[in-house]
């Protein structure tokens, strides 16, 4: 098994409007991308568990031509809310780092 952080060229998060956050996983080559995409480890259920949201609120969208996977999740607080600690959504990708992908 290899951690996602060791396979992805880019792992990042950002706002997708005030109420959603996007998690981006980008890969150097097609083989690595397909390995992660087809592993069964990046699912709405797994992402929902990591972020404390319902799996029906999670969208996992593979982009074959870009060797990328985009995941959209709801923000727990709207961007800019008085309790929001990450107004840009740029620090939300950390739970993805240790997902293990089978060899």
C-alpha atoms as a PDB file:
ATOM      1  CA  UNK A   1       0.000   0.000   0.000  1.00  0.00           C
ATOM      2  CA  UNK A   2       1.118   3.535  -0.781  1.00  0.00           C
ATOM      3  CA  UNK A   3      -0.249   6.709   0.751  1.00  0.00           C
ATOM      4  CA  UNK A   4      -2.158   9.060  -1.539  1.00  0.00           C
ATOM      5  CA  UNK A   5       0.205  11.914  -0.642  1.00  0.00           C
ATOM      6  CA  UNK A   6       3.072   9.876  -2.122  1.00  0.00           C
ATOM      7  CA  UNK A   7       1.211   9.200  -5.383  1.00  0.00           C
ATOM      8  CA  UNK A   8      -0.361  12.570  -6.150  1.00  0.00           C
ATOM      9  CA  UNK A   9       1.575  15.357  -7.813  1.00  0.00           C
ATOM     10  CA  UNK A  10      -0.937  17.857  -6.370  1.00  0.00           C
ATOM     11  CA  UNK A  11      -3.325  17.472  -3.417  1.00  0.00           C
ATOM     12  CA  UNK A  12      -5.190  20.671  -2.621  1.00  0.00           C
ATOM     13  CA  UNK A  13      -8.458  22.123  -1.466  1.00  0.00           C
ATOM     14  CA  UNK A  14     -10.251  25.364  -2.204  1.00  0.00           C
ATOM     15  CA  UNK A  15     -13.661  26.960  -2.006  1.00  0.00           C
ATOM     16  CA  UNK A  16     -16.242  26.146  -4.632  1.00  0.00           C
ATOM     17  CA  UNK A  17     -18.470  29.027  -3.647  1.00  0.00           C
ATOM     18  CA  UNK A  18     -19.327  29.944  -0.068  1.00  0.00           C
ATOM     19  CA  UNK A  19     -20.985  26.628   0.782  1.00  0.00           C
ATOM     20  CA  UNK A  20     -18.826  23.989  -0.931  1.00  0.00           C
ATOM     21  CA  UNK A  21     -15.209  22.909  -0.868  1.00  0.00           C
ATOM     22  CA  UNK A  22     -13.358  21.170  -3.684  1.00  0.00           C
ATOM     23  CA  UNK A  23     -10.614  18.631  -3.074  1.00  0.00           C
ATOM     24  CA  UNK A  24      -8.298  18.141  -6.058  1.00  0.00           C
ATOM     25  CA  UNK A  25      -6.017  15.165  -6.662  1.00  0.00           C
ATOM     26  CA  UNK A  26      -3.751  15.436  -9.698  1.00  0.00           C
ATOM     27  CA  UNK A  27      -1.341  12.791 -10.937  1.00  0.00           C
ATOM     28  CA  UNK A  28       1.859  12.839 -12.976  1.00  0.00           C
ATOM     29  CA  UNK A  29       0.928  10.019 -15.347  1.00  0.00           C
ATOM     30  CA  UNK A  30      -1.981   7.936 -16.545  1.00  0.00           C
ATOM     31  CA  UNK A  31      -0.896   4.737 -14.778  1.00  0.00           C
ATOM     32  CA  UNK A  32      -0.801   6.393 -11.347  1.00  0.00           C
ATOM     33  CA  UNK A  33      -4.090   8.185 -11.980  1.00  0.00           C
ATOM     34  CA  UNK A  34      -5.815   4.948 -13.028  1.00  0.00           C
ATOM     35  CA  UNK A  35      -4.347   3.110 -10.044  1.00  0.00           C
ATOM     36  CA  UNK A  36      -5.935   5.599  -7.652  1.00  0.00           C
ATOM     37  CA  UNK A  37      -9.165   6.024  -9.628  1.00  0.00           C
ATOM     38  CA  UNK A  38      -9.732   2.271  -9.878  1.00  0.00           C
ATOM     39  CA  UNK A  39      -8.583   1.401  -6.344  1.00  0.00           C
ATOM     40  CA  UNK A  40     -12.010   1.797  -4.752  1.00  0.00           C
ATOM     41  CA  UNK A  41     -10.421   3.953  -2.050  1.00  0.00           C
ATOM     42  CA  UNK A  42     -11.772   7.331  -3.245  1.00  0.00           C
ATOM     43  CA  UNK A  43     -15.499   6.902  -2.719  1.00  0.00           C
ATOM     44  CA  UNK A  44     -18.263   9.159  -1.415  1.00  0.00           C
ATOM     45  CA  UNK A  45     -18.543   6.914   1.654  1.00  0.00           C
ATOM     46  CA  UNK A  46     -14.829   7.163   2.532  1.00  0.00           C
ATOM     47  CA  UNK A  47     -14.678  10.923   1.927  1.00  0.00           C
ATOM     48  CA  UNK A  48     -17.881  11.462   3.930  1.00  0.00           C
ATOM     49  CA  UNK A  49     -16.370   9.569   6.853  1.00  0.00           C
ATOM     50  CA  UNK A  50     -13.183  11.652   6.746  1.00  0.00           C
ATOM     51  CA  UNK A  51     -15.052  14.962   6.647  1.00  0.00           C
ATOM     52  CA  UNK A  52     -18.083  14.219   8.831  1.00  0.00           C
ATOM     53  CA  UNK A  53     -20.684  14.778   6.118  1.00  0.00           C
ATOM     54  CA  UNK A  54     -23.326  12.561   4.537  1.00  0.00           C
ATOM     55  CA  UNK A  55     -22.128  10.471   1.598  1.00  0.00           C
ATOM     56  CA  UNK A  56     -25.024  11.748  -0.526  1.00  0.00           C
ATOM     57  CA  UNK A  57     -23.468  15.241  -0.212  1.00  0.00           C
ATOM     58  CA  UNK A  58     -20.133  14.091  -1.697  1.00  0.00           C
ATOM     59  CA  UNK A  59     -19.396  14.107  -5.432  1.00  0.00           C
ATOM     60  CA  UNK A  60     -16.342  12.229  -6.731  1.00  0.00           C
ATOM     61  CA  UNK A  61     -15.579  13.261 -10.304  1.00  0.00           C
ATOM     62  CA  UNK A  62     -12.727  11.651 -12.268  1.00  0.00           C
ATOM     63  CA  UNK A  63     -11.226  13.670 -15.148  1.00  0.00           C
ATOM     64  CA  UNK A  64      -9.432  11.146 -17.344  1.00  0.00           C
ATOM     65  CA  UNK A  65      -7.929  13.662 -19.778  1.00  0.00           C
ATOM     66  CA  UNK A  66      -6.309  15.633 -16.937  1.00  0.00           C
ATOM     67  CA  UNK A  67      -5.286  12.624 -14.768  1.00  0.00           C
ATOM     68  CA  UNK A  68      -7.216  14.230 -11.930  1.00  0.00           C
ATOM     69  CA  UNK A  69      -9.974  13.461  -9.449  1.00  0.00           C
ATOM     70  CA  UNK A  70     -12.145  16.256  -8.079  1.00  0.00           C
ATOM     71  CA  UNK A  71     -14.230  15.778  -4.961  1.00  0.00           C
ATOM     72  CA  UNK A  72     -16.849  18.279  -3.841  1.00  0.00           C
ATOM     73  CA  UNK A  73     -18.042  18.372  -0.236  1.00  0.00           C
ATOM     74  CA  UNK A  74     -20.203  20.809   1.710  1.00  0.00           C
ATOM     75  CA  UNK A  75     -18.411  23.232   4.004  1.00  0.00           C
ATOM     76  CA  UNK A  76     -19.401  22.758   7.649  1.00  0.00           C
ATOM     77  CA  UNK A  77     -19.625  26.557   7.963  1.00  0.00           C
ATOM     78  CA  UNK A  78     -20.093  29.037   5.118  1.00  0.00           C
ATOM     79  CA  UNK A  79     -16.926  30.792   4.012  1.00  0.00           C
ATOM     80  CA  UNK A  80     -16.495  33.944   6.080  1.00  0.00           C
ATOM     81  CA  UNK A  81     -18.834  32.810   8.858  1.00  0.00           C
ATOM     82  CA  UNK A  82     -17.647  34.150  12.246  1.00  0.00           C
ATOM     83  CA  UNK A  83     -16.676  30.581  13.266  1.00  0.00           C
ATOM     84  CA  UNK A  84     -14.879  29.790   9.992  1.00  0.00           C
ATOM     85  CA  UNK A  85     -11.165  29.132  10.495  1.00  0.00           C
ATOM     86  CA  UNK A  86     -10.297  28.668   6.798  1.00  0.00           C
ATOM     87  CA  UNK A  87     -12.053  31.339   4.735  1.00  0.00           C
ATOM     88  CA  UNK A  88     -10.446  30.139   1.450  1.00  0.00           C
ATOM     89  CA  UNK A  89     -10.896  26.429   2.097  1.00  0.00           C
ATOM     90  CA  UNK A  90      -7.185  25.961   1.408  1.00  0.00           C
ATOM     91  CA  UNK A  91      -6.399  23.804   4.451  1.00  0.00           C
ATOM     92  CA  UNK A  92      -9.051  21.117   4.019  1.00  0.00           C
ATOM     93  CA  UNK A  93      -7.081  18.504   2.068  1.00  0.00           C
ATOM     94  CA  UNK A  94      -5.140  17.097   5.064  1.00  0.00           C
ATOM     95  CA  UNK A  95      -7.527  14.148   5.735  1.00  0.00           C
ATOM     96  CA  UNK A  96      -6.728  12.836   2.231  1.00  0.00           C
ATOM     97  CA  UNK A  97      -2.980  12.564   2.810  1.00  0.00           C
ATOM     98  CA  UNK A  98      -2.931   9.190   4.537  1.00  0.00           C
ATOM     99  CA  UNK A  99      -5.488   7.326   2.416  1.00  0.00           C
ATOM    100  CA  UNK A 100      -3.732   4.103   1.469  1.00  0.00           C
ATOM    101  CA  UNK A 101      -3.914   2.939  -2.138  1.00  0.00           C
ATOM    102  CA  UNK A 102      -3.284  -0.768  -2.849  1.00  0.00           C
ATOM    103  CA  UNK A 103      -0.341  -1.743  -5.044  1.00  0.00           C
END
